[in-house]
Amino acid sequence: MNAFDLLKADHRQVAELFERLENASGKEKLDVFERIKSELEIHTHIEETIFYPALEKPDETHDLTLEAYEEHNLVKQLLGELSGAKSATDEWQAKAKVLRENVEHHVDEEENELFDKADDALTDEEIEALGDRMAAEKARRQRRPAPKESKPTEGGEKGIIAKIKDFVGLGDKSADQKPVKKAAQKQSAKKKAVATKGSKKAAQKGPAKKKAGATKGSKKATPSKKKASAKVGSKSTSGSKSGSKKQRSAKSGRKAKKAARRS
């Protein structure tokens, strides 16, 4: 069983009981409180004896785990002060409201901070094993049959055939390797994402540079073409002028010959 799912289910159940406590009246309010007390006592017990000890050693969860112990102590103190009341007086209800606020604050820190860091620090197999142990201890405290344990995943407990293969040297060596921590997996995923972004940017810059080069080339080519066309035009103009001069001289020559004949 997943440890986080088990603890979150406990949180939801206690939250519902606090809602009932607020809407109840008279003796019913005290009865609902007794249920809340029972649930919180079992919940804090399995956390302090099974879950928190597994989170004290990792650096990423050490400080938050110590804070959680202190928050539990405050909840236990309020539960003791509220227990044994014969009626739900105004003072009692005010203290019950303080208890609810402290529990809600503790739940918020656990689910949004501690669980996330614990998920990085522990392997899937360790999380499942903690959940199985807490579920069994909870069932024992509630005097009901213990739930079935989760099936071992790859790298977990080996069967007799696998053990024989290992003994003769035919076993899977990868099964003996320690599971990779989730934090390392997340870091490698981040590196891949950064590398992908870098390659995309480089690919985008390549076509942009090519376009810029082509644009500059076209700009350079345009003035040279204009100059070439201007030269051709000037040559054709000069050619036409020289042609007209030749035609005029030829006409004047013919006129001179005709005048000579007449005379």
Protein backbone atom coordinates (compact mmCIF):
# COMPACT_ATOMS: atom_id res chain seq x y z
CA MET A 1 0.00 0.00 0.00
CA ASN A 2 1.27 3.46 -0.83
CA ALA A 3 2.21 5.26 2.39
CA PHE A 4 1.12 8.68 1.13
CA ASP A 5 -2.32 7.41 0.05
CA LEU A 6 -2.89 5.80 3.44
CA LEU A 7 -2.01 8.96 5.38
CA LYS A 8 -4.04 11.19 3.06
CA ALA A 9 -7.07 8.96 3.57
CA ASP A 10 -6.66 9.42 7.33
CA HIS A 11 -6.48 13.19 6.83
CA ARG A 12 -9.73 13.21 4.83
CA GLN A 13 -11.52 11.13 7.44
CA VAL A 14 -10.48 13.43 10.30
CA ALA A 15 -11.49 16.50 8.26
CA GLU A 16 -14.99 15.04 7.80
CA LEU A 17 -15.23 14.35 11.53
CA PHE A 18 -14.32 17.96 12.33
CA GLU A 19 -17.14 19.09 10.03
CA ARG A 20 -19.55 16.85 11.95
CA LEU A 21 -18.21 18.20 15.24
CA GLU A 22 -18.98 21.78 14.20
CA ASN A 23 -22.52 20.93 13.14
CA ALA A 24 -23.31 18.68 16.12
CA SER A 25 -24.75 19.84 19.43
CA GLY A 26 -25.02 18.61 23.02
CA LYS A 27 -23.84 15.09 23.79
CA GLU A 28 -23.42 14.29 20.07
CA LYS A 29 -20.59 16.85 19.91
CA LEU A 30 -18.71 15.00 22.66
CA ASP A 31 -19.27 11.65 20.92
CA VAL A 32 -17.85 12.98 17.66
CA PHE A 33 -14.87 14.35 19.54
CA GLU A 34 -14.12 10.90 20.96
CA ARG A 35 -13.97 9.55 17.42
CA ILE A 36 -11.64 12.34 16.39
CA LYS A 37 -9.41 11.61 19.37
CA SER A 38 -9.25 7.90 18.53
CA GLU A 39 -8.40 8.54 14.88
CA LEU A 40 -5.72 11.12 15.70
CA GLU A 41 -4.10 8.91 18.34
CA ILE A 42 -3.74 6.00 15.91
CA HIS A 43 -2.62 8.29 13.09
CA THR A 44 0.10 9.99 15.14
CA HIS A 45 1.23 6.60 16.47
CA ILE A 46 1.86 5.02 13.04
CA GLU A 47 3.55 8.17 11.80
CA GLU A 48 5.87 8.48 14.81
CA THR A 49 6.80 4.79 15.00
CA ILE A 50 7.04 3.91 11.29
CA PHE A 51 6.84 6.84 8.86
CA TYR A 52 8.84 9.62 10.53
CA PRO A 53 11.85 7.46 11.51
CA ALA A 54 12.35 6.67 7.79
CA LEU A 55 12.45 10.41 7.03
CA GLU A 56 14.79 11.56 9.79
CA LYS A 57 18.02 10.50 8.01
CA PRO A 58 17.58 12.04 4.52
CA ASP A 59 18.74 15.68 4.53
CA GLU A 60 15.79 16.88 2.42
CA THR A 61 13.21 15.63 4.97
CA HIS A 62 15.13 15.89 8.27
CA ASP A 63 14.03 19.37 9.40
CA LEU A 64 10.39 18.96 8.35
CA THR A 65 10.19 15.65 10.21
CA LEU A 66 11.43 17.23 13.45
CA GLU A 67 8.82 19.98 13.07
CA ALA A 68 6.13 17.33 12.56
CA TYR A 69 7.05 15.69 15.88
CA GLU A 70 6.59 19.03 17.67
CA GLU A 71 3.23 19.64 16.00
CA HIS A 72 2.11 16.19 17.16
CA ASN A 73 3.02 17.10 20.74
CA LEU A 74 0.82 20.18 20.59
CA VAL A 75 -2.11 18.15 19.20
CA LYS A 76 -1.69 15.56 21.96
CA GLN A 77 -1.75 18.32 24.58
CA LEU A 78 -5.00 19.75 23.23
CA LEU A 79 -6.58 16.30 23.02
CA GLY A 80 -5.74 15.73 26.70
CA GLU A 81 -7.25 19.06 27.74
CA LEU A 82 -10.47 18.39 25.80
CA SER A 83 -10.88 14.81 27.04
CA GLY A 84 -13.18 14.00 29.95
CA ALA A 85 -15.46 17.01 29.49
CA LYS A 86 -19.06 16.47 30.66
CA SER A 87 -20.50 19.15 28.38
CA ALA A 88 -19.44 21.17 25.37
CA THR A 89 -19.10 24.57 27.00
CA ASP A 90 -18.09 27.70 25.09
CA GLU A 91 -14.53 27.35 26.39
CA TRP A 92 -14.44 23.71 25.31
CA GLN A 93 -15.69 24.56 21.82
CA ALA A 94 -13.11 27.35 21.49
CA LYS A 95 -10.32 24.91 22.37
CA ALA A 96 -11.77 22.33 19.94
CA LYS A 97 -11.56 24.97 17.22
CA VAL A 98 -7.88 25.57 18.07
CA LEU A 99 -7.32 21.82 17.81
CA ARG A 100 -8.87 21.76 14.34
CA GLU A 101 -6.74 24.68 13.16
CA ASN A 102 -3.55 22.99 14.37
CA VAL A 103 -4.47 19.71 12.69
CA GLU A 104 -5.31 21.45 9.41
CA HIS A 105 -1.99 23.34 9.48
CA HIS A 106 -0.11 20.10 10.13
CA VAL A 107 -1.92 18.31 7.30
CA ASP A 108 -1.19 21.17 4.88
CA GLU A 109 2.55 21.05 5.62
CA GLU A 110 2.68 17.27 5.35
CA GLU A 111 0.83 16.95 2.06
CA ASN A 112 2.36 19.98 0.30
CA GLU A 113 5.94 19.87 1.61
CA LEU A 114 6.95 16.73 3.51
CA PHE A 115 5.31 14.21 1.18
CA ASP A 116 6.85 15.79 -1.93
CA LYS A 117 10.35 15.69 -0.46
CA ALA A 118 9.82 12.19 0.93
CA ASP A 119 8.76 11.04 -2.54
CA ASP A 120 12.15 12.21 -3.83
CA ALA A 121 14.13 10.72 -0.95
CA LEU A 122 12.49 7.26 -0.94
CA THR A 123 12.16 4.62 -3.63
CA ASP A 124 8.79 3.23 -4.72
CA GLU A 125 9.58 -0.02 -2.92
CA GLU A 126 10.33 1.81 0.33
CA ILE A 127 7.11 3.84 0.09
CA GLU A 128 5.05 0.68 -0.46
CA ALA A 129 6.79 -1.12 2.41
CA LEU A 130 6.11 1.78 4.79
CA GLY A 131 2.46 1.81 3.74
CA ASP A 132 2.11 -1.93 4.38
CA ARG A 133 3.67 -1.60 7.83
CA MET A 134 1.48 1.34 8.81
CA ALA A 135 -1.67 -0.38 7.55
CA ALA A 136 -0.85 -3.51 9.55
CA GLU A 137 -0.13 -1.53 12.73
CA LYS A 138 -3.31 0.51 12.29
CA ALA A 139 -5.36 -2.67 11.90
CA ARG A 140 -3.74 -4.13 15.01
CA ARG A 141 -4.61 -1.04 17.06
CA GLN A 142 -8.18 -1.13 15.77
CA ARG A 143 -8.39 -4.89 16.42
CA ARG A 144 -9.28 -5.87 12.88
CA PRO A 145 -7.60 -8.19 10.34
CA ALA A 146 -4.45 -6.79 8.76
CA PRO A 147 -4.72 -5.92 5.02
CA LYS A 148 -2.75 -7.89 2.46
CA GLU A 149 0.74 -6.62 1.76
CA SER A 150 1.66 -5.20 -1.62
CA LYS A 151 3.26 -7.62 -4.07
CA PRO A 152 7.03 -7.18 -4.33
CA THR A 153 8.13 -5.30 -7.41
CA GLU A 154 11.24 -5.87 -9.49
CA GLY A 155 14.29 -5.83 -7.25
CA GLY A 156 12.16 -6.93 -4.29
CA GLU A 157 12.06 -10.32 -2.53
CA LYS A 158 13.21 -13.15 -4.78
CA GLY A 159 11.62 -16.53 -5.31
CA ILE A 160 13.41 -19.87 -4.88
CA ILE A 161 14.16 -20.20 -8.61
CA ALA A 162 15.75 -16.75 -8.74
CA LYS A 163 17.84 -17.56 -5.69
CA ILE A 164 19.09 -20.80 -7.30
CA LYS A 165 20.01 -18.89 -10.48
CA ASP A 166 21.96 -16.38 -8.41
CA PHE A 167 23.75 -19.19 -6.60
CA VAL A 168 24.99 -20.76 -9.84
CA GLY A 169 25.77 -17.39 -11.40
CA LEU A 170 22.85 -17.20 -13.85
CA GLY A 171 20.77 -14.62 -12.02
CA ASP A 172 19.95 -11.16 -13.27
CA LYS A 173 22.64 -8.85 -11.93
CA SER A 174 20.44 -5.84 -12.52
CA ALA A 175 18.05 -7.09 -9.84
CA ASP A 176 20.80 -6.74 -7.22
CA GLN A 177 21.44 -3.14 -8.09
CA LYS A 178 19.94 -0.51 -5.83
CA PRO A 179 16.87 1.24 -7.23
CA VAL A 180 17.59 4.61 -8.70
CA LYS A 181 16.37 7.45 -6.51
CA LYS A 182 13.56 9.56 -7.89
CA ALA A 183 15.57 12.74 -7.36
CA ALA A 184 18.24 11.47 -9.77
CA GLN A 185 15.57 10.53 -12.29
CA LYS A 186 14.04 14.01 -12.09
CA GLN A 187 17.46 15.65 -12.55
CA SER A 188 18.16 13.59 -15.68
CA ALA A 189 14.72 14.50 -17.02
CA LYS A 190 15.45 18.20 -16.44
CA LYS A 191 18.81 17.88 -18.24
CA LYS A 192 17.10 16.27 -21.22
CA ALA A 193 14.51 19.05 -21.32
CA VAL A 194 17.24 21.72 -21.26
CA ALA A 195 19.17 19.94 -24.03
CA THR A 196 16.01 19.71 -26.14
CA LYS A 197 15.32 23.42 -25.71
CA GLY A 198 18.92 24.23 -26.67
CA SER A 199 18.74 22.17 -29.86
CA LYS A 200 15.42 23.78 -30.80
CA LYS A 201 16.87 27.28 -30.35
CA ALA A 202 19.92 26.37 -32.40
CA ALA A 203 17.70 24.98 -35.15
CA GLN A 204 15.65 28.19 -35.14
CA LYS A 205 18.77 30.39 -35.31
CA GLY A 206 20.15 28.42 -38.29
CA PRO A 207 17.29 29.19 -40.72
CA ALA A 208 17.18 32.78 -39.44
CA LYS A 209 20.86 33.27 -40.28
CA LYS A 210 20.36 31.75 -43.71
CA LYS A 211 17.42 34.07 -44.39
CA ALA A 212 19.45 37.07 -43.26
CA GLY A 213 22.32 36.06 -45.54
CA ALA A 214 20.00 35.60 -48.48
CA THR A 215 18.41 39.00 -47.84
CA LYS A 216 21.79 40.72 -47.71
CA GLY A 217 22.83 38.98 -50.94
CA SER A 218 19.71 40.08 -52.72
CA LYS A 219 20.26 43.67 -51.53
CA LYS A 220 23.83 43.64 -52.81
CA ALA A 221 22.78 42.15 -56.14
CA THR A 222 20.09 44.77 -56.77
CA PRO A 223 22.35 47.90 -57.01
CA SER A 224 24.83 46.10 -59.29
CA LYS A 225 22.00 45.15 -61.63
CA LYS A 226 20.80 48.74 -61.69
CA LYS A 227 24.30 49.98 -62.51
CA ALA A 228 24.67 47.40 -65.28
CA SER A 229 21.32 48.37 -66.80
CA ALA A 230 22.30 52.05 -66.56
CA LYS A 231 25.53 51.37 -68.45
CA VAL A 232 23.67 49.45 -71.14
CA GLY A 233 21.20 52.30 -71.44
CA SER A 234 23.95 54.88 -71.77
CA LYS A 235 25.67 52.83 -74.46
CA SER A 236 22.46 52.50 -76.46
CA THR A 237 21.83 56.25 -76.15
CA SER A 238 25.32 57.12 -77.40
CA GLY A 239 24.89 54.64 -80.23
CA SER A 240 21.65 56.22 -81.33
CA LYS A 241 23.21 59.70 -81.24
CA SER A 242 26.17 58.66 -83.45
CA GLY A 243 23.79 56.98 -85.88
CA SER A 244 21.73 60.13 -86.29
CA LYS A 245 24.88 62.18 -86.98
CA LYS A 246 25.94 59.78 -89.75
CA GLN A 247 22.47 60.00 -91.37
CA ARG A 248 22.64 63.81 -91.37
CA SER A 249 26.09 63.86 -93.00
CA ALA A 250 24.94 61.43 -95.67
CA LYS A 251 21.93 63.62 -96.53
CA SER A 252 24.08 66.75 -96.80
CA GLY A 253 26.46 64.89 -99.15
CA ARG A 254 23.63 63.87 -101.44
CA LYS A 255 22.32 67.45 -101.58
CA ALA A 256 25.78 68.75 -102.57
CA LYS A 257 26.03 66.27 -105.45
CA LYS A 258 22.58 67.25 -106.77
CA ALA A 259 23.55 70.95 -106.74
CA ALA A 260 26.74 70.23 -108.67
CA ARG A 261 24.81 68.39 -111.40
CA ARG A 262 22.36 71.25 -111.88
CA SER A 263 25.10 73.74 -112.30
